[in-house]
Every structure is written in C-alpha cells, then in structure tokens.
Amino acid sequence: MRWGVAPERFLIGKRRWMSRWRFQPEERLEDAFRLLEEAAPQKYTMGCEGKGLFWARVQIGRATGRARDLSKPRAITLAVARAPKLQVDE
C-alpha cells in the first residue's frame, strides 16, 4: 500500500499520518474502500447473495483473494488481505 507503519499510526504519505484507531477497514465501509483503492487491484467484483451475505473477489497481480461475510467492510478487507496470501485472524 506504500504506507509506512509507526507506533500507533500509519504514515500515509506527503508527511501525513493516521492514527491506528481511526482506520477501521473491517468496520467502516469508507475505510474498506480506501484499503481497496490503495491495494490497486487489477480487477475486483463484489455482490450480495441470499439475505445479506456479501462477497468480494480481488485480483492483485496473479493472486486472487475471496471472502464472504455478513459485513460488507469485512468481506472487502478479507479479500484484499487474502490476495497476497496474508495471514488473517478470523
């Protein structure tokens, strides 16, 4: 994502930073889309199946991450994290 990590904050470029507690991509849809944008995927799709089960598919390079969850932000965040094979606690 080209962000730096410092104690209790993210360095987001141009001498700006964001507190860790303010960036909640698993809970806030705005932050999940910011994470998706910063990941710069080649392709992504998302949708809803049944009564509220949201799904997301994210392709970054040759890797693809998929996730399904009742929470839209969580599904997006997990799909982004799974594309580069990051270890994700569920």
C-alpha atoms as a PDB file:
ATOM      1  CA  MET A   1       0.000   0.000   0.000  1.00  0.00           C
ATOM      2  CA  ARG A   2       3.027   2.261   0.151  1.00  0.00           C
ATOM      3  CA  TRP A   3       2.059   3.242   3.708  1.00  0.00           C
ATOM      4  CA  GLY A   4       4.607   3.250   6.480  1.00  0.00           C
ATOM      5  CA  VAL A   5       3.877   1.906   9.937  1.00  0.00           C
ATOM      6  CA  ALA A   6       4.874   3.681  13.120  1.00  0.00           C
ATOM      7  CA  PRO A   7       3.833   3.064  16.720  1.00  0.00           C
ATOM      8  CA  GLU A   8       0.060   3.566  16.877  1.00  0.00           C
ATOM      9  CA  ARG A   9      -0.197   5.219  13.452  1.00  0.00           C
ATOM     10  CA  PHE A  10       0.126   4.777   9.703  1.00  0.00           C
ATOM     11  CA  LEU A  11       2.295   7.129   7.642  1.00  0.00           C
ATOM     12  CA  ILE A  12       0.138   7.720   4.557  1.00  0.00           C
ATOM     13  CA  GLY A  13       2.462   9.908   2.505  1.00  0.00           C
ATOM     14  CA  LYS A  14       3.133  13.590   1.956  1.00  0.00           C
ATOM     15  CA  ARG A  15       4.125  13.943   5.620  1.00  0.00           C
ATOM     16  CA  ARG A  16       0.641  12.892   6.739  1.00  0.00           C
ATOM     17  CA  TRP A  17      -0.327  10.197   9.195  1.00  0.00           C
ATOM     18  CA  MET A  18      -3.444   8.494  10.531  1.00  0.00           C
ATOM     19  CA  SER A  19      -3.970   7.017  13.996  1.00  0.00           C
ATOM     20  CA  ARG A  20      -4.494   3.265  14.039  1.00  0.00           C
ATOM     21  CA  TRP A  21      -7.754   3.660  15.964  1.00  0.00           C
ATOM     22  CA  ARG A  22      -9.177   5.863  13.181  1.00  0.00           C
ATOM     23  CA  PHE A  23      -8.522   3.345  10.384  1.00  0.00           C
ATOM     24  CA  GLN A  24     -11.041   0.503  10.824  1.00  0.00           C
ATOM     25  CA  PRO A  25     -11.466  -1.222   7.433  1.00  0.00           C
ATOM     26  CA  GLU A  26     -13.263  -4.235   8.919  1.00  0.00           C
ATOM     27  CA  GLU A  27     -15.946  -1.986  10.399  1.00  0.00           C
ATOM     28  CA  ARG A  28     -16.174   1.146   8.256  1.00  0.00           C
ATOM     29  CA  LEU A  29     -17.119   0.840   4.579  1.00  0.00           C
ATOM     30  CA  GLU A  30     -15.251   4.068   3.765  1.00  0.00           C
ATOM     31  CA  ASP A  31     -12.021   2.618   5.188  1.00  0.00           C
ATOM     32  CA  ALA A  32     -12.551  -0.708   3.396  1.00  0.00           C
ATOM     33  CA  PHE A  33     -12.827   1.110   0.062  1.00  0.00           C
ATOM     34  CA  ARG A  34      -9.739   3.169   0.916  1.00  0.00           C
ATOM     35  CA  LEU A  35      -7.850  -0.071   1.549  1.00  0.00           C
ATOM     36  CA  LEU A  36      -9.129  -1.484  -1.749  1.00  0.00           C
ATOM     37  CA  GLU A  37      -8.058   1.649  -3.615  1.00  0.00           C
ATOM     38  CA  GLU A  38      -4.580   1.646  -2.047  1.00  0.00           C
ATOM     39  CA  ALA A  39      -4.133  -2.052  -2.891  1.00  0.00           C
ATOM     40  CA  ALA A  40      -4.565  -1.085  -6.580  1.00  0.00           C
ATOM     41  CA  PRO A  41      -6.162  -4.334  -7.762  1.00  0.00           C
ATOM     42  CA  GLN A  42      -6.242  -5.221 -11.448  1.00  0.00           C
ATOM     43  CA  LYS A  43      -9.801  -6.398 -11.010  1.00  0.00           C
ATOM     44  CA  TYR A  44     -12.403  -6.694  -8.290  1.00  0.00           C
ATOM     45  CA  THR A  45     -16.012  -7.790  -8.096  1.00  0.00           C
ATOM     46  CA  MET A  46     -18.471  -7.825  -5.251  1.00  0.00           C
ATOM     47  CA  GLY A  47     -22.078  -8.616  -4.656  1.00  0.00           C
ATOM     48  CA  CYS A  48     -24.679  -9.978  -2.319  1.00  0.00           C
ATOM     49  CA  GLU A  49     -26.240 -13.422  -2.182  1.00  0.00           C
ATOM     50  CA  GLY A  50     -29.248 -14.508  -0.246  1.00  0.00           C
ATOM     51  CA  LYS A  51     -30.298 -12.464   2.721  1.00  0.00           C
ATOM     52  CA  GLY A  52     -27.365 -10.177   3.276  1.00  0.00           C
ATOM     53  CA  LEU A  53     -24.334 -12.409   2.718  1.00  0.00           C
ATOM     54  CA  PHE A  54     -21.863 -10.138   0.953  1.00  0.00           C
ATOM     55  CA  TRP A  55     -18.981 -11.453  -1.166  1.00  0.00           C
ATOM     56  CA  ALA A  56     -15.869  -9.865  -2.637  1.00  0.00           C
ATOM     57  CA  ARG A  57     -13.211 -11.073  -5.065  1.00  0.00           C
ATOM     58  CA  VAL A  58      -9.986  -9.074  -5.509  1.00  0.00           C
ATOM     59  CA  GLN A  59      -7.206  -9.747  -8.011  1.00  0.00           C
ATOM     60  CA  ILE A  60      -3.802  -8.221  -7.273  1.00  0.00           C
ATOM     61  CA  GLY A  61      -1.238  -9.296  -9.838  1.00  0.00           C
ATOM     62  CA  ARG A  62      -1.739 -13.016 -10.395  1.00  0.00           C
ATOM     63  CA  ALA A  63      -3.140 -13.604  -6.911  1.00  0.00           C
ATOM     64  CA  THR A  64      -6.829 -13.592  -6.098  1.00  0.00           C
ATOM     65  CA  GLY A  65      -8.455 -13.124  -2.706  1.00  0.00           C
ATOM     66  CA  ARG A  66     -12.035 -14.128  -1.966  1.00  0.00           C
ATOM     67  CA  ALA A  67     -14.229 -13.569   1.068  1.00  0.00           C
ATOM     68  CA  ARG A  68     -17.853 -13.867   2.158  1.00  0.00           C
ATOM     69  CA  ASP A  69     -19.277 -12.219   5.250  1.00  0.00           C
ATOM     70  CA  LEU A  70     -22.418 -10.595   6.602  1.00  0.00           C
ATOM     71  CA  SER A  71     -20.397  -7.366   6.854  1.00  0.00           C
ATOM     72  CA  LYS A  72     -19.517  -5.589   3.595  1.00  0.00           C
ATOM     73  CA  PRO A  73     -16.415  -3.876   5.016  1.00  0.00           C
ATOM     74  CA  ARG A  74     -15.122  -7.136   6.495  1.00  0.00           C
ATOM     75  CA  ALA A  75     -15.631  -9.088   3.241  1.00  0.00           C
ATOM     76  CA  ILE A  76     -13.753  -6.434   1.243  1.00  0.00           C
ATOM     77  CA  THR A  77     -10.929  -6.234   3.791  1.00  0.00           C
ATOM     78  CA  LEU A  78     -10.515 -10.014   3.971  1.00  0.00           C
ATOM     79  CA  ALA A  79     -10.479 -10.371   0.174  1.00  0.00           C
ATOM     80  CA  VAL A  80      -7.791  -7.673  -0.122  1.00  0.00           C
ATOM     81  CA  ALA A  81      -5.715  -9.345   2.599  1.00  0.00           C
ATOM     82  CA  ARG A  82      -6.082 -12.823   1.132  1.00  0.00           C
ATOM     83  CA  ALA A  83      -4.933 -11.847  -2.377  1.00  0.00           C
ATOM     84  CA  PRO A  84      -1.245 -11.568  -1.369  1.00  0.00           C
ATOM     85  CA  LYS A  85      -1.727 -14.554   0.977  1.00  0.00           C
ATOM     86  CA  LEU A  86      -1.537 -12.555   4.222  1.00  0.00           C
ATOM     87  CA  GLN A  87      -2.313 -14.438   7.427  1.00  0.00           C
ATOM     88  CA  VAL A  88      -5.734 -13.240   8.590  1.00  0.00           C
ATOM     89  CA  ASP A  89      -7.269 -13.936  12.013  1.00  0.00           C
ATOM     90  CA  GLU A  90     -10.980 -14.539  11.701  1.00  0.00           C
END
